[in-house]
Amino acid sequence: MENQSKNKESLEFLHIKNMVCDRCIKVVNDEITNLGHKIQSIELGKVSLENGIYEDEADAIALVLEENGFKLLNDKKSRIVSKIKIEVIKYIHMGETIPEKMNFSTYISHKIGKDYSYLSTLFNVMFNRSRFCEHVWT
């Protein structure tokens, strides 16, 4: 039983790939709610659940998300890449502004909380490219 409690605690947040607009938020909200889970908060790429979930519940959520064109992200590197993409979407499509005299790489680094050289290296490793902005939409 103790092992199940650990799994439940570790799955209070769901990181979801391909959430790019308000309609995506609505679809994800509806699907997770229809499975009987209560959502505390939801934003592009991230859902916070009122109660943690077990691994088998996460599998059911992953299946429903995939049926709707989304993907549950389980590894840290994929989550970081997703966060970068979401920040780019916010900047381009939702009018988020960059402070004066701050370049885009510094802005992304600040928003993600990681050094730009790490983010660039991560993209190079994951996508065989050195400039993540070239690959941000795939």
N, C-alpha and C. Protein backbone atom coordinates (compact mmCIF):
# COMPACT_ATOMS: atom_id res chain seq x y z
N MET A 1 0.82 -1.20 0.00
CA MET A 1 0.00 0.00 0.00
C MET A 1 0.86 1.26 0.00
N GLU A 2 2.00 1.20 0.68
CA GLU A 2 2.89 2.36 0.74
C GLU A 2 3.39 2.73 -0.65
N ASN A 3 3.70 1.73 -1.48
CA ASN A 3 4.16 2.00 -2.83
C ASN A 3 3.08 2.70 -3.65
N GLN A 4 1.82 2.31 -3.49
CA GLN A 4 0.74 2.98 -4.20
C GLN A 4 0.63 4.44 -3.78
N SER A 5 0.83 4.72 -2.50
CA SER A 5 0.77 6.10 -2.02
C SER A 5 1.86 6.93 -2.66
N LYS A 6 3.06 6.34 -2.82
CA LYS A 6 4.14 7.07 -3.47
C LYS A 6 3.75 7.41 -4.91
N ASN A 7 3.21 6.43 -5.63
CA ASN A 7 2.80 6.67 -7.00
C ASN A 7 1.73 7.75 -7.07
N LYS A 8 0.81 7.73 -6.13
CA LYS A 8 -0.27 8.70 -6.13
C LYS A 8 0.27 10.12 -5.91
N GLU A 9 1.20 10.28 -4.99
CA GLU A 9 1.79 11.59 -4.72
C GLU A 9 2.55 12.11 -5.93
N SER A 10 3.22 11.25 -6.65
CA SER A 10 4.07 11.71 -7.75
C SER A 10 3.26 12.08 -9.00
N LEU A 11 1.96 11.80 -9.02
CA LEU A 11 1.17 12.09 -10.20
C LEU A 11 0.07 13.11 -9.90
N GLU A 12 0.42 14.18 -9.22
CA GLU A 12 -0.53 15.25 -8.96
C GLU A 12 -0.56 16.25 -10.11
N PHE A 13 0.50 16.27 -10.90
CA PHE A 13 0.59 17.15 -12.06
C PHE A 13 0.74 16.30 -13.31
N LEU A 14 0.02 16.65 -14.35
CA LEU A 14 0.14 15.98 -15.63
C LEU A 14 0.73 16.98 -16.62
N HIS A 15 1.75 16.56 -17.33
CA HIS A 15 2.36 17.40 -18.36
C HIS A 15 1.93 16.83 -19.71
N ILE A 16 1.35 17.70 -20.54
CA ILE A 16 0.68 17.24 -21.75
C ILE A 16 1.23 17.96 -22.98
N LYS A 17 1.60 17.20 -23.97
CA LYS A 17 2.11 17.72 -25.23
C LYS A 17 0.96 18.03 -26.18
N ASN A 18 1.13 19.03 -27.00
CA ASN A 18 0.22 19.45 -28.07
C ASN A 18 -0.96 20.30 -27.59
N MET A 19 -0.91 20.82 -26.40
CA MET A 19 -1.93 21.78 -25.97
C MET A 19 -1.45 23.15 -26.45
N VAL A 20 -2.16 23.71 -27.43
CA VAL A 20 -1.67 24.94 -28.05
C VAL A 20 -2.67 26.10 -28.02
N CYS A 21 -3.87 25.87 -27.50
CA CYS A 21 -4.87 26.94 -27.53
C CYS A 21 -5.92 26.72 -26.44
N ASP A 22 -6.82 27.68 -26.32
CA ASP A 22 -7.88 27.57 -25.32
C ASP A 22 -8.80 26.38 -25.56
N ARG A 23 -9.03 26.04 -26.82
CA ARG A 23 -9.87 24.87 -27.13
C ARG A 23 -9.22 23.59 -26.63
N CYS A 24 -7.90 23.51 -26.73
CA CYS A 24 -7.18 22.34 -26.20
C CYS A 24 -7.38 22.23 -24.70
N ILE A 25 -7.34 23.35 -24.02
CA ILE A 25 -7.57 23.36 -22.57
C ILE A 25 -8.95 22.80 -22.26
N LYS A 26 -9.95 23.23 -23.03
CA LYS A 26 -11.32 22.77 -22.82
C LYS A 26 -11.44 21.26 -23.05
N VAL A 27 -10.85 20.77 -24.14
CA VAL A 27 -10.92 19.34 -24.45
C VAL A 27 -10.26 18.52 -23.36
N VAL A 28 -9.06 18.91 -22.95
CA VAL A 28 -8.34 18.18 -21.91
C VAL A 28 -9.13 18.22 -20.60
N ASN A 29 -9.65 19.39 -20.25
CA ASN A 29 -10.46 19.53 -19.04
C ASN A 29 -11.67 18.59 -19.08
N ASP A 30 -12.39 18.60 -20.19
CA ASP A 30 -13.58 17.76 -20.32
C ASP A 30 -13.25 16.27 -20.23
N GLU A 31 -12.19 15.86 -20.91
CA GLU A 31 -11.84 14.43 -20.94
C GLU A 31 -11.39 13.93 -19.57
N ILE A 32 -10.57 14.70 -18.89
CA ILE A 32 -10.10 14.27 -17.57
C ILE A 32 -11.25 14.29 -16.56
N THR A 33 -12.10 15.29 -16.65
CA THR A 33 -13.27 15.37 -15.77
C THR A 33 -14.22 14.21 -16.03
N ASN A 34 -14.42 13.86 -17.31
CA ASN A 34 -15.29 12.73 -17.66
C ASN A 34 -14.78 11.41 -17.10
N LEU A 35 -13.48 11.33 -16.84
CA LEU A 35 -12.91 10.12 -16.25
C LEU A 35 -13.05 10.12 -14.72
N GLY A 36 -13.65 11.19 -14.18
CA GLY A 36 -13.92 11.24 -12.74
C GLY A 36 -12.88 11.94 -11.90
N HIS A 37 -11.97 12.66 -12.53
CA HIS A 37 -10.92 13.36 -11.79
C HIS A 37 -11.27 14.84 -11.66
N LYS A 38 -10.92 15.42 -10.53
CA LYS A 38 -11.16 16.84 -10.31
C LYS A 38 -9.89 17.63 -10.60
N ILE A 39 -10.04 18.66 -11.42
CA ILE A 39 -8.90 19.47 -11.82
C ILE A 39 -8.84 20.71 -10.93
N GLN A 40 -7.67 20.94 -10.36
CA GLN A 40 -7.45 22.11 -9.53
C GLN A 40 -7.13 23.32 -10.41
N SER A 41 -6.25 23.13 -11.40
CA SER A 41 -5.94 24.20 -12.35
C SER A 41 -5.47 23.56 -13.65
N ILE A 42 -5.62 24.34 -14.72
CA ILE A 42 -5.21 23.85 -16.04
C ILE A 42 -4.68 25.02 -16.85
N GLU A 43 -3.60 24.78 -17.56
CA GLU A 43 -3.01 25.77 -18.45
C GLU A 43 -2.38 25.01 -19.61
N LEU A 44 -1.90 25.72 -20.60
CA LEU A 44 -1.26 25.04 -21.73
C LEU A 44 -0.16 24.12 -21.22
N GLY A 45 -0.29 22.85 -21.53
CA GLY A 45 0.75 21.88 -21.21
C GLY A 45 0.76 21.30 -19.82
N LYS A 46 -0.10 21.78 -18.91
CA LYS A 46 -0.02 21.32 -17.53
C LYS A 46 -1.39 21.29 -16.86
N VAL A 47 -1.67 20.18 -16.18
CA VAL A 47 -2.90 20.01 -15.42
C VAL A 47 -2.52 19.67 -13.99
N SER A 48 -3.11 20.39 -13.06
CA SER A 48 -2.94 20.10 -11.64
C SER A 48 -4.22 19.46 -11.14
N LEU A 49 -4.10 18.26 -10.57
CA LEU A 49 -5.26 17.53 -10.09
C LEU A 49 -5.46 17.78 -8.60
N GLU A 50 -6.72 17.85 -8.18
CA GLU A 50 -7.02 18.05 -6.76
C GLU A 50 -6.48 16.91 -5.92
N ASN A 51 -6.60 15.71 -6.43
CA ASN A 51 -6.09 14.52 -5.74
C ASN A 51 -5.12 13.83 -6.69
N GLY A 52 -4.05 13.30 -6.15
CA GLY A 52 -3.12 12.57 -6.99
C GLY A 52 -3.78 11.34 -7.58
N ILE A 53 -3.13 10.77 -8.58
CA ILE A 53 -3.69 9.58 -9.23
C ILE A 53 -2.66 8.46 -9.24
N TYR A 54 -3.18 7.24 -9.35
CA TYR A 54 -2.32 6.08 -9.46
C TYR A 54 -1.88 5.90 -10.91
N GLU A 55 -0.86 5.08 -11.08
CA GLU A 55 -0.29 4.86 -12.41
C GLU A 55 -1.32 4.33 -13.40
N ASP A 56 -2.18 3.39 -12.97
CA ASP A 56 -3.18 2.84 -13.89
C ASP A 56 -4.19 3.91 -14.31
N GLU A 57 -4.47 4.86 -13.43
CA GLU A 57 -5.35 5.98 -13.78
C GLU A 57 -4.67 6.89 -14.79
N ALA A 58 -3.37 7.06 -14.63
CA ALA A 58 -2.61 7.87 -15.59
C ALA A 58 -2.62 7.20 -16.96
N ASP A 59 -2.56 5.88 -16.99
CA ASP A 59 -2.62 5.15 -18.26
C ASP A 59 -3.95 5.40 -18.96
N ALA A 60 -5.04 5.40 -18.21
CA ALA A 60 -6.37 5.66 -18.79
C ALA A 60 -6.44 7.09 -19.33
N ILE A 61 -5.89 8.03 -18.58
CA ILE A 61 -5.86 9.43 -19.04
C ILE A 61 -5.01 9.55 -20.30
N ALA A 62 -3.86 8.88 -20.32
CA ALA A 62 -2.97 8.93 -21.49
C ALA A 62 -3.68 8.42 -22.74
N LEU A 63 -4.45 7.36 -22.59
CA LEU A 63 -5.19 6.79 -23.72
C LEU A 63 -6.22 7.78 -24.27
N VAL A 64 -6.99 8.40 -23.38
CA VAL A 64 -8.00 9.38 -23.80
C VAL A 64 -7.34 10.60 -24.43
N LEU A 65 -6.23 11.03 -23.86
CA LEU A 65 -5.53 12.18 -24.43
C LEU A 65 -5.04 11.87 -25.84
N GLU A 66 -4.46 10.69 -26.02
CA GLU A 66 -3.96 10.30 -27.34
C GLU A 66 -5.08 10.23 -28.37
N GLU A 67 -6.27 9.82 -27.95
CA GLU A 67 -7.41 9.78 -28.87
C GLU A 67 -7.79 11.18 -29.34
N ASN A 68 -7.39 12.20 -28.59
CA ASN A 68 -7.69 13.58 -28.93
C ASN A 68 -6.48 14.35 -29.46
N GLY A 69 -5.39 13.64 -29.77
CA GLY A 69 -4.22 14.27 -30.36
C GLY A 69 -3.22 14.84 -29.38
N PHE A 70 -3.33 14.47 -28.11
CA PHE A 70 -2.40 14.94 -27.10
C PHE A 70 -1.54 13.78 -26.64
N LYS A 71 -0.51 14.11 -25.86
CA LYS A 71 0.36 13.05 -25.33
C LYS A 71 0.77 13.41 -23.92
N LEU A 72 0.65 12.44 -23.01
CA LEU A 72 1.09 12.60 -21.64
C LEU A 72 2.61 12.46 -21.61
N LEU A 73 3.28 13.47 -21.08
CA LEU A 73 4.75 13.46 -21.04
C LEU A 73 5.23 12.92 -19.71
N ASN A 74 6.10 11.93 -19.77
CA ASN A 74 6.57 11.30 -18.55
C ASN A 74 8.01 11.64 -18.19
N ASP A 75 8.83 12.01 -19.16
CA ASP A 75 10.22 12.26 -18.84
C ASP A 75 10.52 13.77 -18.78
N LYS A 76 11.49 14.11 -17.96
CA LYS A 76 11.83 15.50 -17.66
C LYS A 76 12.24 16.29 -18.91
N LYS A 77 13.03 15.70 -19.77
CA LYS A 77 13.51 16.41 -20.95
C LYS A 77 12.36 16.75 -21.89
N SER A 78 11.45 15.84 -22.08
CA SER A 78 10.28 16.12 -22.93
C SER A 78 9.43 17.23 -22.34
N ARG A 79 9.33 17.26 -21.02
CA ARG A 79 8.58 18.33 -20.36
C ARG A 79 9.23 19.69 -20.59
N ILE A 80 10.54 19.74 -20.54
CA ILE A 80 11.24 21.01 -20.78
C ILE A 80 11.03 21.47 -22.20
N VAL A 81 11.14 20.57 -23.16
CA VAL A 81 10.92 20.92 -24.56
C VAL A 81 9.49 21.42 -24.75
N SER A 82 8.53 20.77 -24.12
CA SER A 82 7.14 21.20 -24.21
C SER A 82 6.96 22.60 -23.62
N LYS A 83 7.61 22.87 -22.50
CA LYS A 83 7.54 24.20 -21.89
C LYS A 83 8.08 25.27 -22.82
N ILE A 84 9.16 24.98 -23.51
CA ILE A 84 9.74 25.93 -24.46
C ILE A 84 8.73 26.22 -25.56
N LYS A 85 8.14 25.17 -26.12
CA LYS A 85 7.16 25.34 -27.18
C LYS A 85 5.98 26.18 -26.71
N ILE A 86 5.53 25.94 -25.49
CA ILE A 86 4.39 26.70 -24.95
C ILE A 86 4.75 28.17 -24.80
N GLU A 87 5.95 28.47 -24.35
CA GLU A 87 6.37 29.87 -24.21
C GLU A 87 6.45 30.55 -25.58
N VAL A 88 6.89 29.83 -26.60
CA VAL A 88 6.92 30.38 -27.95
C VAL A 88 5.50 30.65 -28.43
N ILE A 89 4.59 29.74 -28.18
CA ILE A 89 3.18 29.92 -28.56
C ILE A 89 2.60 31.14 -27.86
N LYS A 90 2.87 31.26 -26.58
CA LYS A 90 2.37 32.42 -25.83
C LYS A 90 2.90 33.72 -26.42
N TYR A 91 4.14 33.73 -26.81
CA TYR A 91 4.76 34.93 -27.37
C TYR A 91 4.18 35.27 -28.75
N ILE A 92 4.09 34.27 -29.60
CA ILE A 92 3.66 34.51 -30.98
C ILE A 92 2.15 34.69 -31.10
N HIS A 93 1.38 33.81 -30.48
CA HIS A 93 -0.07 33.79 -30.70
C HIS A 93 -0.90 34.47 -29.62
N MET A 94 -0.32 34.64 -28.45
CA MET A 94 -1.12 35.18 -27.35
C MET A 94 -0.63 36.56 -26.90
N GLY A 95 0.31 37.10 -27.64
CA GLY A 95 0.73 38.48 -27.40
C GLY A 95 1.58 38.72 -26.17
N GLU A 96 2.16 37.67 -25.61
CA GLU A 96 3.05 37.88 -24.47
C GLU A 96 4.27 38.67 -24.95
N THR A 97 4.69 39.63 -24.16
CA THR A 97 5.79 40.50 -24.60
C THR A 97 7.09 40.18 -23.86
N ILE A 98 8.17 40.49 -24.53
CA ILE A 98 9.50 40.34 -23.96
C ILE A 98 9.91 41.70 -23.42
N PRO A 99 10.46 41.74 -22.21
CA PRO A 99 10.92 43.03 -21.67
C PRO A 99 11.93 43.69 -22.60
N GLU A 100 11.92 45.01 -22.59
CA GLU A 100 12.87 45.76 -23.43
C GLU A 100 14.29 45.32 -23.15
N LYS A 101 15.10 45.35 -24.19
CA LYS A 101 16.53 45.02 -24.13
C LYS A 101 16.81 43.59 -23.71
N MET A 102 15.81 42.69 -23.85
CA MET A 102 16.03 41.28 -23.57
C MET A 102 15.84 40.51 -24.87
N ASN A 103 16.85 39.72 -25.25
CA ASN A 103 16.70 38.94 -26.47
C ASN A 103 15.88 37.68 -26.19
N PHE A 104 15.47 37.02 -27.26
CA PHE A 104 14.56 35.89 -27.12
C PHE A 104 15.18 34.73 -26.36
N SER A 105 16.45 34.46 -26.58
CA SER A 105 17.09 33.34 -25.88
C SER A 105 17.14 33.59 -24.37
N THR A 106 17.38 34.83 -23.97
CA THR A 106 17.38 35.17 -22.54
C THR A 106 15.97 35.05 -21.98
N TYR A 107 14.99 35.50 -22.75
CA TYR A 107 13.59 35.41 -22.35
C TYR A 107 13.18 33.97 -22.10
N ILE A 108 13.48 33.08 -23.05
CA ILE A 108 13.14 31.66 -22.92
C ILE A 108 13.86 31.05 -21.73
N SER A 109 15.13 31.36 -21.59
CA SER A 109 15.91 30.85 -20.47
C SER A 109 15.30 31.28 -19.13
N HIS A 110 14.88 32.52 -19.05
CA HIS A 110 14.25 33.05 -17.84
C HIS A 110 12.92 32.35 -17.56
N LYS A 111 12.09 32.19 -18.58
CA LYS A 111 10.76 31.58 -18.41
C LYS A 111 10.86 30.10 -18.01
N ILE A 112 11.84 29.40 -18.55
CA ILE A 112 11.98 27.97 -18.28
C ILE A 112 12.77 27.73 -16.99
N GLY A 113 13.61 28.68 -16.65
CA GLY A 113 14.42 28.53 -15.44
C GLY A 113 15.66 27.67 -15.64
N LYS A 114 16.11 27.61 -16.87
CA LYS A 114 17.32 26.85 -17.21
C LYS A 114 18.22 27.72 -18.07
N ASP A 115 19.51 27.46 -17.98
CA ASP A 115 20.49 28.18 -18.78
C ASP A 115 20.26 27.91 -20.27
N TYR A 116 20.42 28.95 -21.10
CA TYR A 116 20.18 28.80 -22.53
C TYR A 116 21.08 27.73 -23.14
N SER A 117 22.32 27.64 -22.70
CA SER A 117 23.23 26.65 -23.29
C SER A 117 22.71 25.23 -23.01
N TYR A 118 22.12 25.01 -21.83
CA TYR A 118 21.51 23.71 -21.53
C TYR A 118 20.33 23.45 -22.46
N LEU A 119 19.47 24.46 -22.63
CA LEU A 119 18.29 24.30 -23.50
C LEU A 119 18.71 24.01 -24.94
N SER A 120 19.70 24.73 -25.42
CA SER A 120 20.19 24.53 -26.78
C SER A 120 20.78 23.13 -26.94
N THR A 121 21.55 22.69 -25.97
CA THR A 121 22.14 21.35 -26.00
C THR A 121 21.04 20.28 -25.97
N LEU A 122 20.03 20.51 -25.14
CA LEU A 122 18.91 19.57 -25.05
C LEU A 122 18.25 19.41 -26.42
N PHE A 123 17.99 20.52 -27.11
CA PHE A 123 17.40 20.43 -28.44
C PHE A 123 18.33 19.74 -29.41
N ASN A 124 19.62 20.01 -29.31
CA ASN A 124 20.58 19.37 -30.20
C ASN A 124 20.57 17.86 -30.02
N VAL A 125 20.51 17.41 -28.79
CA VAL A 125 20.49 15.98 -28.50
C VAL A 125 19.18 15.35 -28.93
N MET A 126 18.06 15.99 -28.60
CA MET A 126 16.75 15.39 -28.88
C MET A 126 16.36 15.46 -30.35
N PHE A 127 16.80 16.51 -31.04
CA PHE A 127 16.36 16.71 -32.42
C PHE A 127 17.50 16.80 -33.42
N ASN A 128 18.72 16.56 -32.97
CA ASN A 128 19.89 16.65 -33.82
C ASN A 128 20.01 18.03 -34.48
N ARG A 129 19.72 19.06 -33.71
CA ARG A 129 19.84 20.44 -34.17
C ARG A 129 20.42 21.27 -33.04
N SER A 130 21.11 22.32 -33.40
CA SER A 130 21.72 23.14 -32.35
C SER A 130 20.90 24.39 -32.03
N ARG A 131 19.95 24.73 -32.87
CA ARG A 131 19.15 25.92 -32.64
C ARG A 131 17.70 25.51 -32.43
N PHE A 132 17.24 25.57 -31.19
CA PHE A 132 15.91 25.05 -30.89
C PHE A 132 14.79 25.81 -31.53
N CYS A 133 14.96 27.07 -31.85
CA CYS A 133 13.88 27.85 -32.47
C CYS A 133 13.54 27.33 -33.86
N GLU A 134 14.50 26.70 -34.52
CA GLU A 134 14.23 26.13 -35.85
C GLU A 134 13.32 24.91 -35.77
N HIS A 135 13.29 24.26 -34.61
CA HIS A 135 12.57 22.99 -34.50
C HIS A 135 11.38 23.07 -33.54
N VAL A 136 11.07 24.22 -33.08
CA VAL A 136 10.10 24.36 -32.00
C VAL A 136 8.69 23.89 -32.36
N TRP A 137 8.35 23.80 -33.61
CA TRP A 137 6.98 23.46 -34.00
C TRP A 137 6.78 22.01 -34.38
N THR A 138 7.81 21.17 -34.28
CA THR A 138 7.61 19.78 -34.68
C THR A 138 7.35 18.88 -33.51
